[in-house]
Amino acid sequence: MKKIKFAVIGSGRLGTNLAIQLQKAGHIAVGLCAKHVKSIECTNRLLNVRLVDTIPWKVTPQADVVFITTPDDLIERTCKQVSANQGFKQHCTVFHCSGSLSSQILTDNISDDHDAGSLHPLQSFPVKHIEPNPFENIYMSVEGSEKAIELGKAFAKDLKANVAEISSSGKQLYHTAAVVASNYLVTLLWMAQQLNMTAGIPESIALKVLNPLIEGTLANIQKQGIPSALTGPISRGDIQTVHNHIEKIINELPEVLDLYKMLGRYTVPLAQKQCNISEKMAKSFQEKLS
């Protein structure tokens, strides 16, 4: 891919890591903007960009591609402000990096000679400078205009990432999947930790003892897929064990009962796909877990 001049509006953790790695890939950072001067200065020590400012449209005129990496609720307003102040270069492509919003919020606020897309990394960025390359081998979703999609794929390749092209209408469900896989996994592991602590395992190791099981399950999912990786009492038709779990939870940790039952109800159809339990057994499980 040829070298592209780009600007970043929003020098937070994602924007900074994106700019650093694009620069390392040979692209040219020509503008950097953030709300606070200290934030820009901190980021620019890593990038050494000549054009920096707290006003977005002052850093974008030379850029062939503009990345808006602000919080989601500021993306549309930022795009509108830059456009209103003629801040986008002719034939410029504008990206945002939100997981839940589509490129339509950009398209609605730019002229017809500009392109819009979203390029979202399925990765968390806890600090402004992560090494080695935090984009390598992750997936990045891309959607938008035809030109934006092709550019997004090229940028992902330069970042050594994989690409998942999605429809603009699919962004919300895509983001929901990420929330379930990341945020709600934390909640699920909290539940497991609480159950172990209630069983008498010290808090310091209540989650640690489960790590080999967690890692083994993830490895089996990667190797065998879902639902083949499913094991446990529902998978083998052991309704008595599930009954015992429920009774014990009611007596000792009732606050997790609803979550346990709900997870069990959603597990029954997976066990059926394994052909390990009959329709009659599945119905019995659902009644027990209702």
C-alpha atoms as a PDB file:
ATOM      1  CA  MET A   1       0.000   0.000   0.000  1.00  0.00           C
ATOM      2  CA  LYS A   2       1.340   3.461  -0.853  1.00  0.00           C
ATOM      3  CA  LYS A   3       2.181   5.878   1.948  1.00  0.00           C
ATOM      4  CA  ILE A   4      -0.873   7.846   3.057  1.00  0.00           C
ATOM      5  CA  LYS A   5      -0.998  11.137   4.916  1.00  0.00           C
ATOM      6  CA  PHE A   6      -3.346  10.813   7.875  1.00  0.00           C
ATOM      7  CA  ALA A   7      -4.609  12.860  10.802  1.00  0.00           C
ATOM      8  CA  VAL A   8      -6.001  11.624  14.108  1.00  0.00           C
ATOM      9  CA  ILE A   9      -8.668  13.506  16.046  1.00  0.00           C
ATOM     10  CA  GLY A  10      -8.614  12.147  19.578  1.00  0.00           C
ATOM     11  CA  SER A  11      -5.233  11.270  21.031  1.00  0.00           C
ATOM     12  CA  GLY A  12      -6.459   8.816  23.633  1.00  0.00           C
ATOM     13  CA  ARG A  13      -5.293   5.233  24.018  1.00  0.00           C
ATOM     14  CA  LEU A  14      -6.732   3.903  20.753  1.00  0.00           C
ATOM     15  CA  GLY A  15      -5.886   6.970  18.680  1.00  0.00           C
ATOM     16  CA  THR A  16      -2.317   7.049  19.923  1.00  0.00           C
ATOM     17  CA  ASN A  17      -1.649   3.335  19.380  1.00  0.00           C
ATOM     18  CA  LEU A  18      -3.238   3.533  15.928  1.00  0.00           C
ATOM     19  CA  ALA A  19      -1.095   6.507  14.930  1.00  0.00           C
ATOM     20  CA  ILE A  20       2.096   4.898  16.243  1.00  0.00           C
ATOM     21  CA  GLN A  21       1.578   1.653  14.359  1.00  0.00           C
ATOM     22  CA  LEU A  22       0.460   3.352  11.129  1.00  0.00           C
ATOM     23  CA  GLN A  23       3.580   5.483  11.287  1.00  0.00           C
ATOM     24  CA  LYS A  24       5.706   2.383  11.818  1.00  0.00           C
ATOM     25  CA  ALA A  25       4.036   0.848   8.763  1.00  0.00           C
ATOM     26  CA  GLY A  26       5.265   3.777   6.684  1.00  0.00           C
ATOM     27  CA  HIS A  27       2.259   6.104   6.663  1.00  0.00           C
ATOM     28  CA  ILE A  28       2.687   9.784   7.462  1.00  0.00           C
ATOM     29  CA  ALA A  29       0.996  11.448  10.433  1.00  0.00           C
ATOM     30  CA  VAL A  30       0.306  15.049   9.405  1.00  0.00           C
ATOM     31  CA  GLY A  31      -2.126  16.166  12.112  1.00  0.00           C
ATOM     32  CA  LEU A  32      -2.993  15.397  15.704  1.00  0.00           C
ATOM     33  CA  CYS A  33      -5.832  16.780  17.803  1.00  0.00           C
ATOM     34  CA  ALA A  34      -7.100  16.287  21.343  1.00  0.00           C
ATOM     35  CA  LYS A  35      -9.312  18.184  23.729  1.00  0.00           C
ATOM     36  CA  HIS A  36      -6.491  18.956  26.142  1.00  0.00           C
ATOM     37  CA  VAL A  37      -3.013  20.302  25.378  1.00  0.00           C
ATOM     38  CA  LYS A  38      -1.361  17.916  27.873  1.00  0.00           C
ATOM     39  CA  SER A  39      -2.888  14.931  26.095  1.00  0.00           C
ATOM     40  CA  ILE A  40      -1.558  16.099  22.738  1.00  0.00           C
ATOM     41  CA  GLU A  41       1.889  16.748  24.170  1.00  0.00           C
ATOM     42  CA  CYS A  42       1.990  13.309  25.761  1.00  0.00           C
ATOM     43  CA  THR A  43       0.999  11.621  22.503  1.00  0.00           C
ATOM     44  CA  ASN A  44       3.229  13.763  20.310  1.00  0.00           C
ATOM     45  CA  ARG A  45       6.327  12.783  22.259  1.00  0.00           C
ATOM     46  CA  LEU A  46       5.750   9.380  20.687  1.00  0.00           C
ATOM     47  CA  LEU A  47       4.889  10.643  17.189  1.00  0.00           C
ATOM     48  CA  ASN A  48       6.577  13.996  16.554  1.00  0.00           C
ATOM     49  CA  VAL A  49       3.766  15.349  14.375  1.00  0.00           C
ATOM     50  CA  ARG A  50       4.269  18.940  13.203  1.00  0.00           C
ATOM     51  CA  LEU A  51       0.622  20.021  13.107  1.00  0.00           C
ATOM     52  CA  VAL A  52      -1.051  19.676  16.514  1.00  0.00           C
ATOM     53  CA  ASP A  53      -4.004  21.584  17.927  1.00  0.00           C
ATOM     54  CA  THR A  54      -7.044  21.358  20.176  1.00  0.00           C
ATOM     55  CA  ILE A  55      -9.260  22.492  17.284  1.00  0.00           C
ATOM     56  CA  PRO A  56     -10.041  19.510  14.983  1.00  0.00           C
ATOM     57  CA  TRP A  57     -10.331  21.280  11.629  1.00  0.00           C
ATOM     58  CA  LYS A  58      -6.915  22.876  12.054  1.00  0.00           C
ATOM     59  CA  VAL A  59      -5.078  19.525  11.889  1.00  0.00           C
ATOM     60  CA  THR A  60      -6.945  17.873   8.996  1.00  0.00           C
ATOM     61  CA  PRO A  61      -6.445  19.957   5.803  1.00  0.00           C
ATOM     62  CA  GLN A  62      -3.338  18.069   4.640  1.00  0.00           C
ATOM     63  CA  ALA A  63      -4.688  14.581   5.416  1.00  0.00           C
ATOM     64  CA  ASP A  64      -5.896  12.143   2.772  1.00  0.00           C
ATOM     65  CA  VAL A  65      -7.402  10.058   5.594  1.00  0.00           C
ATOM     66  CA  VAL A  66      -8.817  11.332   8.878  1.00  0.00           C
ATOM     67  CA  PHE A  67      -9.390   9.023  11.838  1.00  0.00           C
ATOM     68  CA  ILE A  68     -11.888  10.250  14.438  1.00  0.00           C
ATOM     69  CA  THR A  69     -11.051   8.313  17.603  1.00  0.00           C
ATOM     70  CA  THR A  70     -13.019  10.382  20.096  1.00  0.00           C
ATOM     71  CA  PRO A  71     -15.610   8.858  22.470  1.00  0.00           C
ATOM     72  CA  ASP A  72     -18.696   7.676  20.574  1.00  0.00           C
ATOM     73  CA  ASP A  73     -20.916  10.545  21.644  1.00  0.00           C
ATOM     74  CA  LEU A  74     -18.505  13.086  20.125  1.00  0.00           C
ATOM     75  CA  ILE A  75     -17.894  11.463  16.737  1.00  0.00           C
ATOM     76  CA  GLU A  76     -20.822  12.912  14.824  1.00  0.00           C
ATOM     77  CA  ARG A  77     -20.412  16.394  16.283  1.00  0.00           C
ATOM     78  CA  THR A  78     -16.675  16.373  15.544  1.00  0.00           C
ATOM     79  CA  CYS A  79     -17.236  15.323  11.938  1.00  0.00           C
ATOM     80  CA  LYS A  80     -19.893  17.999  11.515  1.00  0.00           C
ATOM     81  CA  GLN A  81     -17.575  20.687  12.918  1.00  0.00           C
ATOM     82  CA  VAL A  82     -14.656  19.762  10.663  1.00  0.00           C
ATOM     83  CA  SER A  83     -16.910  19.631   7.624  1.00  0.00           C
ATOM     84  CA  ALA A  84     -18.551  22.979   8.445  1.00  0.00           C
ATOM     85  CA  ASN A  85     -15.111  24.577   8.658  1.00  0.00           C
ATOM     86  CA  GLN A  86     -13.942  23.051   5.332  1.00  0.00           C
ATOM     87  CA  GLY A  87     -11.418  20.954   7.230  1.00  0.00           C
ATOM     88  CA  PHE A  88     -11.585  17.858   5.019  1.00  0.00           C
ATOM     89  CA  LYS A  89      -9.295  17.772   1.991  1.00  0.00           C
ATOM     90  CA  GLN A  90     -10.954  17.050  -1.349  1.00  0.00           C
ATOM     91  CA  HIS A  91     -11.486  13.303  -1.877  1.00  0.00           C
ATOM     92  CA  CYS A  92     -10.535  12.686   1.757  1.00  0.00           C
ATOM     93  CA  THR A  93     -11.717   9.485   3.455  1.00  0.00           C
ATOM     94  CA  VAL A  94     -13.005   9.799   7.009  1.00  0.00           C
ATOM     95  CA  PHE A  95     -13.017   6.862   9.434  1.00  0.00           C
ATOM     96  CA  HIS A  96     -14.254   6.506  12.968  1.00  0.00           C
ATOM     97  CA  CYS A  97     -13.198   3.638  15.219  1.00  0.00           C
ATOM     98  CA  SER A  98     -16.398   2.984  17.178  1.00  0.00           C
ATOM     99  CA  GLY A  99     -17.530  -0.593  17.584  1.00  0.00           C
ATOM    100  CA  SER A 100     -21.237   0.176  17.863  1.00  0.00           C
ATOM    101  CA  LEU A 101     -21.788   3.051  15.418  1.00  0.00           C
ATOM    102  CA  SER A 102     -21.907   2.735  11.642  1.00  0.00           C
ATOM    103  CA  SER A 103     -20.274   5.046   9.124  1.00  0.00           C
ATOM    104  CA  GLN A 104     -23.661   6.636   8.422  1.00  0.00           C
ATOM    105  CA  ILE A 105     -23.047   9.227  11.140  1.00  0.00           C
ATOM    106  CA  LEU A 106     -20.089  10.411   9.055  1.00  0.00           C
ATOM    107  CA  THR A 107     -21.774  10.104   5.656  1.00  0.00           C
ATOM    108  CA  ASP A 108     -24.576  12.393   6.840  1.00  0.00           C
ATOM    109  CA  ASN A 109     -22.065  15.132   7.634  1.00  0.00           C
ATOM    110  CA  ILE A 110     -19.592  15.150   4.751  1.00  0.00           C
ATOM    111  CA  SER A 111     -19.819  16.260   1.131  1.00  0.00           C
ATOM    112  CA  ASP A 112     -20.288  13.917  -1.806  1.00  0.00           C
ATOM    113  CA  ASP A 113     -16.618  14.028  -2.809  1.00  0.00           C
ATOM    114  CA  HIS A 114     -15.582  12.490   0.524  1.00  0.00           C
ATOM    115  CA  ASP A 115     -15.827   8.850   1.635  1.00  0.00           C
ATOM    116  CA  ALA A 116     -16.724   7.475   5.047  1.00  0.00           C
ATOM    117  CA  GLY A 117     -16.104   4.223   6.868  1.00  0.00           C
ATOM    118  CA  SER A 118     -15.598   2.659  10.265  1.00  0.00           C
ATOM    119  CA  LEU A 119     -12.521   0.657  11.216  1.00  0.00           C
ATOM    120  CA  HIS A 120     -12.834  -0.966  14.633  1.00  0.00           C
ATOM    121  CA  PRO A 121     -10.206  -3.128  16.356  1.00  0.00           C
ATOM    122  CA  LEU A 122     -11.489  -6.011  18.469  1.00  0.00           C
ATOM    123  CA  GLN A 123      -8.922  -5.245  21.131  1.00  0.00           C
ATOM    124  CA  SER A 124      -8.653  -3.242  24.340  1.00  0.00           C
ATOM    125  CA  PHE A 125      -6.054  -0.507  24.754  1.00  0.00           C
ATOM    126  CA  PRO A 126      -5.234   0.021  28.456  1.00  0.00           C
ATOM    127  CA  VAL A 127      -2.371   2.481  27.846  1.00  0.00           C
ATOM    128  CA  LYS A 128      -1.318   4.941  25.135  1.00  0.00           C
ATOM    129  CA  HIS A 129       1.711   2.992  23.923  1.00  0.00           C
ATOM    130  CA  ILE A 130       1.553  -0.784  23.715  1.00  0.00           C
ATOM    131  CA  GLU A 131       4.433  -2.868  22.401  1.00  0.00           C
ATOM    132  CA  PRO A 132       4.667  -5.173  20.616  1.00  0.00           C
ATOM    133  CA  ASN A 133       2.117  -4.133  18.001  1.00  0.00           C
ATOM    134  CA  PRO A 134      -1.322  -4.547  19.687  1.00  0.00           C
ATOM    135  CA  PHE A 135      -3.049  -4.859  16.293  1.00  0.00           C
ATOM    136  CA  GLU A 136      -1.056  -7.881  15.131  1.00  0.00           C
ATOM    137  CA  ASN A 137      -3.248 -10.965  14.570  1.00  0.00           C
ATOM    138  CA  ILE A 138      -6.410  -9.365  15.987  1.00  0.00           C
ATOM    139  CA  TYR A 139      -9.539  -8.774  13.907  1.00  0.00           C
ATOM    140  CA  MET A 140     -10.657  -5.348  12.734  1.00  0.00           C
ATOM    141  CA  SER A 141     -14.164  -4.805  11.393  1.00  0.00           C
ATOM    142  CA  VAL A 142     -14.628  -2.506   8.419  1.00  0.00           C
ATOM    143  CA  GLU A 143     -17.720  -1.063   6.753  1.00  0.00           C
ATOM    144  CA  GLY A 144     -18.653   2.001   4.763  1.00  0.00           C
ATOM    145  CA  SER A 145     -18.289   3.145   1.165  1.00  0.00           C
ATOM    146  CA  GLU A 146     -16.520   0.931  -1.359  1.00  0.00           C
ATOM    147  CA  LYS A 147     -13.401   3.108  -1.245  1.00  0.00           C
ATOM    148  CA  ALA A 148     -13.426   3.198   2.563  1.00  0.00           C
ATOM    149  CA  ILE A 149     -13.730  -0.579   2.784  1.00  0.00           C
ATOM    150  CA  GLU A 150     -10.765  -1.104   0.476  1.00  0.00           C
ATOM    151  CA  LEU A 151      -8.707   1.465   2.386  1.00  0.00           C
ATOM    152  CA  GLY A 152      -9.721  -0.086   5.705  1.00  0.00           C
ATOM    153  CA  LYS A 153      -8.626  -3.521   4.527  1.00  0.00           C
ATOM    154  CA  ALA A 154      -5.300  -2.099   3.380  1.00  0.00           C
ATOM    155  CA  PHE A 155      -4.714  -0.346   6.696  1.00  0.00           C
ATOM    156  CA  ALA A 156      -5.569  -3.540   8.601  1.00  0.00           C
ATOM    157  CA  LYS A 157      -3.062  -5.455   6.488  1.00  0.00           C
ATOM    158  CA  ASP A 158      -0.378  -2.858   7.202  1.00  0.00           C
ATOM    159  CA  LEU A 159      -1.198  -3.133  10.894  1.00  0.00           C
ATOM    160  CA  LYS A 160      -0.771  -6.944  10.555  1.00  0.00           C
ATOM    161  CA  ALA A 161      -4.398  -7.449  11.576  1.00  0.00           C
ATOM    162  CA  ASN A 162      -7.138  -9.628  10.105  1.00  0.00           C
ATOM    163  CA  VAL A 163     -10.279  -8.110   8.602  1.00  0.00           C
ATOM    164  CA  ALA A 164     -13.971  -8.815   9.077  1.00  0.00           C
ATOM    165  CA  GLU A 165     -16.113  -6.888   6.591  1.00  0.00           C
ATOM    166  CA  ILE A 166     -19.611  -6.259   7.939  1.00  0.00           C
ATOM    167  CA  SER A 167     -22.708  -4.372   6.859  1.00  0.00           C
ATOM    168  CA  SER A 168     -23.502  -0.961   8.271  1.00  0.00           C
ATOM    169  CA  SER A 169     -26.765  -2.313   9.703  1.00  0.00           C
ATOM    170  CA  GLY A 170     -24.848  -5.049  11.539  1.00  0.00           C
ATOM    171  CA  LYS A 171     -22.682  -2.783  13.693  1.00  0.00           C
ATOM    172  CA  GLN A 172     -24.924  -2.876  16.777  1.00  0.00           C
ATOM    173  CA  LEU A 173     -25.115  -6.679  16.903  1.00  0.00           C
ATOM    174  CA  TYR A 174     -21.376  -6.925  16.204  1.00  0.00           C
ATOM    175  CA  HIS A 175     -20.720  -4.662  19.169  1.00  0.00           C
ATOM    176  CA  THR A 176     -23.171  -6.638  21.301  1.00  0.00           C
ATOM    177  CA  ALA A 177     -21.171  -9.785  20.524  1.00  0.00           C
ATOM    178  CA  ALA A 178     -17.999  -8.064  21.710  1.00  0.00           C
ATOM    179  CA  VAL A 179     -19.721  -6.976  24.944  1.00  0.00           C
ATOM    180  CA  VAL A 180     -20.927 -10.519  25.617  1.00  0.00           C
ATOM    181  CA  ALA A 181     -17.517 -12.061  24.874  1.00  0.00           C
ATOM    182  CA  SER A 182     -15.556  -9.538  26.932  1.00  0.00           C
ATOM    183  CA  ASN A 183     -17.642  -7.663  29.504  1.00  0.00           C
ATOM    184  CA  TYR A 184     -20.072 -10.448  30.328  1.00  0.00           C
ATOM    185  CA  LEU A 185     -17.262 -12.988  30.492  1.00  0.00           C
ATOM    186  CA  VAL A 186     -15.948 -10.940  33.412  1.00  0.00           C
ATOM    187  CA  THR A 187     -19.368 -11.220  35.076  1.00  0.00           C
ATOM    188  CA  LEU A 188     -19.444 -14.964  34.457  1.00  0.00           C
ATOM    189  CA  LEU A 189     -16.012 -15.457  36.008  1.00  0.00           C
ATOM    190  CA  TRP A 190     -17.048 -13.297  38.956  1.00  0.00           C
ATOM    191  CA  MET A 191     -19.945 -15.708  39.491  1.00  0.00           C
ATOM    192  CA  ALA A 192     -17.612 -18.720  39.378  1.00  0.00           C
ATOM    193  CA  GLN A 193     -15.269 -17.005  41.841  1.00  0.00           C
ATOM    194  CA  GLN A 194     -18.141 -16.291  44.248  1.00  0.00           C
ATOM    195  CA  LEU A 195     -19.265 -19.924  44.107  1.00  0.00           C
ATOM    196  CA  ASN A 196     -15.745 -21.138  44.916  1.00  0.00           C
ATOM    197  CA  MET A 197     -15.378 -18.668  47.777  1.00  0.00           C
ATOM    198  CA  THR A 198     -18.732 -19.756  49.188  1.00  0.00           C
ATOM    199  CA  ALA A 199     -17.454 -23.332  48.934  1.00  0.00           C
ATOM    200  CA  GLY A 200     -14.548 -22.352  51.198  1.00  0.00           C
ATOM    201  CA  ILE A 201     -11.743 -21.712  48.703  1.00  0.00           C
ATOM    202  CA  PRO A 202      -9.716 -18.604  49.663  1.00  0.00           C
ATOM    203  CA  GLU A 203     -10.412 -15.510  47.591  1.00  0.00           C
ATOM    204  CA  SER A 204      -6.748 -15.319  46.568  1.00  0.00           C
ATOM    205  CA  ILE A 205      -7.049 -18.532  44.546  1.00  0.00           C
ATOM    206  CA  ALA A 206     -10.818 -18.851  44.023  1.00  0.00           C
ATOM    207  CA  LEU A 207     -10.469 -17.833  40.374  1.00  0.00           C
ATOM    208  CA  LYS A 208      -6.911 -19.056  39.907  1.00  0.00           C
ATOM    209  CA  VAL A 209      -7.868 -22.701  40.428  1.00  0.00           C
ATOM    210  CA  LEU A 210     -10.242 -22.423  37.473  1.00  0.00           C
ATOM    211  CA  ASN A 211      -7.658 -21.028  35.037  1.00  0.00           C
ATOM    212  CA  PRO A 212      -6.588 -24.412  33.544  1.00  0.00           C
ATOM    213  CA  LEU A 213     -10.258 -25.318  33.012  1.00  0.00           C
ATOM    214  CA  ILE A 214     -10.978 -21.934  31.388  1.00  0.00           C
ATOM    215  CA  GLU A 215      -7.935 -22.145  29.124  1.00  0.00           C
ATOM    216  CA  GLY A 216      -8.730 -25.761  28.209  1.00  0.00           C
ATOM    217  CA  THR A 217     -12.310 -24.843  27.323  1.00  0.00           C
ATOM    218  CA  LEU A 218     -11.176 -21.978  25.081  1.00  0.00           C
ATOM    219  CA  ALA A 219      -8.666 -24.286  23.398  1.00  0.00           C
ATOM    220  CA  ASN A 220     -11.379 -26.903  22.788  1.00  0.00           C
ATOM    221  CA  ILE A 221     -13.682 -24.272  21.292  1.00  0.00           C
ATOM    222  CA  GLN A 222     -10.918 -23.203  18.900  1.00  0.00           C
ATOM    223  CA  LYS A 223     -10.127 -26.811  18.006  1.00  0.00           C
ATOM    224  CA  GLN A 224     -13.598 -28.391  17.889  1.00  0.00           C
ATOM    225  CA  GLY A 225     -15.989 -25.469  17.616  1.00  0.00           C
ATOM    226  CA  ILE A 226     -19.312 -24.924  19.344  1.00  0.00           C
ATOM    227  CA  PRO A 227     -21.204 -26.984  20.483  1.00  0.00           C
ATOM    228  CA  SER A 228     -18.705 -29.873  20.282  1.00  0.00           C
ATOM    229  CA  ALA A 229     -16.620 -28.341  23.092  1.00  0.00           C
ATOM    230  CA  LEU A 230     -19.543 -28.448  25.537  1.00  0.00           C
ATOM    231  CA  THR A 231     -19.093 -30.763  28.533  1.00  0.00           C
ATOM    232  CA  GLY A 232     -20.742 -30.992  31.958  1.00  0.00           C
ATOM    233  CA  PRO A 233     -23.997 -32.218  33.497  1.00  0.00           C
ATOM    234  CA  ILE A 234     -26.402 -30.879  30.870  1.00  0.00           C
ATOM    235  CA  SER A 235     -24.264 -32.284  28.060  1.00  0.00           C
ATOM    236  CA  ARG A 236     -24.348 -35.757  29.621  1.00  0.00           C
ATOM    237  CA  GLY A 237     -28.000 -35.630  30.727  1.00  0.00           C
ATOM    238  CA  ASP A 238     -27.249 -35.503  34.463  1.00  0.00           C
ATOM    239  CA  ILE A 239     -30.350 -33.741  35.730  1.00  0.00           C
ATOM    240  CA  GLN A 240     -29.745 -34.760  39.366  1.00  0.00           C
ATOM    241  CA  THR A 241     -26.485 -32.794  39.477  1.00  0.00           C
ATOM    242  CA  VAL A 242     -28.219 -29.714  38.108  1.00  0.00           C
ATOM    243  CA  HIS A 243     -30.945 -30.175  40.745  1.00  0.00           C
ATOM    244  CA  ASN A 244     -28.266 -30.378  43.460  1.00  0.00           C
ATOM    245  CA  HIS A 245     -26.591 -27.203  42.151  1.00  0.00           C
ATOM    246  CA  ILE A 246     -29.864 -25.293  42.311  1.00  0.00           C
ATOM    247  CA  GLU A 247     -30.652 -26.449  45.847  1.00  0.00           C
ATOM    248  CA  LYS A 248     -27.191 -25.488  47.094  1.00  0.00           C
ATOM    249  CA  ILE A 249     -27.293 -22.088  45.398  1.00  0.00           C
ATOM    250  CA  ILE A 250     -30.721 -21.345  46.886  1.00  0.00           C
ATOM    251  CA  ASN A 251     -29.357 -22.065  50.376  1.00  0.00           C
ATOM    252  CA  GLU A 252     -25.945 -20.434  50.159  1.00  0.00           C
ATOM    253  CA  LEU A 253     -25.662 -17.965  47.254  1.00  0.00           C
ATOM    254  CA  PRO A 254     -29.184 -17.102  46.064  1.00  0.00           C
ATOM    255  CA  GLU A 255     -28.080 -13.905  44.272  1.00  0.00           C
ATOM    256  CA  VAL A 256     -26.600 -15.970  41.402  1.00  0.00           C
ATOM    257  CA  LEU A 257     -29.569 -18.353  41.025  1.00  0.00           C
ATOM    258  CA  ASP A 258     -31.273 -16.492  38.159  1.00  0.00           C
ATOM    259  CA  LEU A 259     -28.028 -16.282  36.184  1.00  0.00           C
ATOM    260  CA  TYR A 260     -27.266 -19.984  36.750  1.00  0.00           C
ATOM    261  CA  LYS A 261     -30.725 -20.998  35.554  1.00  0.00           C
ATOM    262  CA  MET A 262     -30.652 -18.702  32.537  1.00  0.00           C
ATOM    263  CA  LEU A 263     -27.244 -20.012  31.436  1.00  0.00           C
ATOM    264  CA  GLY A 264     -28.517 -23.546  31.870  1.00  0.00           C
ATOM    265  CA  ARG A 265     -31.591 -22.894  29.734  1.00  0.00           C
ATOM    266  CA  TYR A 266     -29.401 -21.600  26.904  1.00  0.00           C
ATOM    267  CA  THR A 267     -27.057 -24.588  27.286  1.00  0.00           C
ATOM    268  CA  VAL A 268     -29.795 -27.194  26.715  1.00  0.00           C
ATOM    269  CA  PRO A 269     -30.122 -26.540  22.932  1.00  0.00           C
ATOM    270  CA  LEU A 270     -26.332 -26.838  22.580  1.00  0.00           C
ATOM    271  CA  ALA A 271     -26.450 -30.233  24.282  1.00  0.00           C
ATOM    272  CA  GLN A 272     -29.222 -31.260  21.884  1.00  0.00           C
ATOM    273  CA  LYS A 273     -27.009 -30.321  18.929  1.00  0.00           C
ATOM    274  CA  GLN A 274     -24.444 -32.772  20.289  1.00  0.00           C
ATOM    275  CA  CYS A 275     -27.183 -35.451  20.092  1.00  0.00           C
ATOM    276  CA  ASN A 276     -26.345 -36.365  23.697  1.00  0.00           C
ATOM    277  CA  ILE A 277     -29.775 -35.758  25.217  1.00  0.00           C
ATOM    278  CA  SER A 278     -33.268 -36.668  24.039  1.00  0.00           C
ATOM    279  CA  GLU A 279     -36.138 -34.258  23.478  1.00  0.00           C
ATOM    280  CA  LYS A 280     -37.744 -35.604  26.658  1.00  0.00           C
ATOM    281  CA  MET A 281     -34.554 -34.985  28.658  1.00  0.00           C
ATOM    282  CA  ALA A 282     -34.219 -31.496  27.182  1.00  0.00           C
ATOM    283  CA  LYS A 283     -37.761 -30.688  28.289  1.00  0.00           C
ATOM    284  CA  SER A 284     -36.987 -31.943  31.800  1.00  0.00           C
ATOM    285  CA  PHE A 285     -33.919 -29.709  31.993  1.00  0.00           C
ATOM    286  CA  GLN A 286     -35.902 -26.678  30.832  1.00  0.00           C
ATOM    287  CA  GLU A 287     -38.559 -27.315  33.482  1.00  0.00           C
ATOM    288  CA  LYS A 288     -35.899 -27.708  36.188  1.00  0.00           C
ATOM    289  CA  LEU A 289     -34.174 -24.494  35.079  1.00  0.00           C
ATOM    290  CA  SER A 290     -37.321 -22.366  34.700  1.00  0.00           C
END
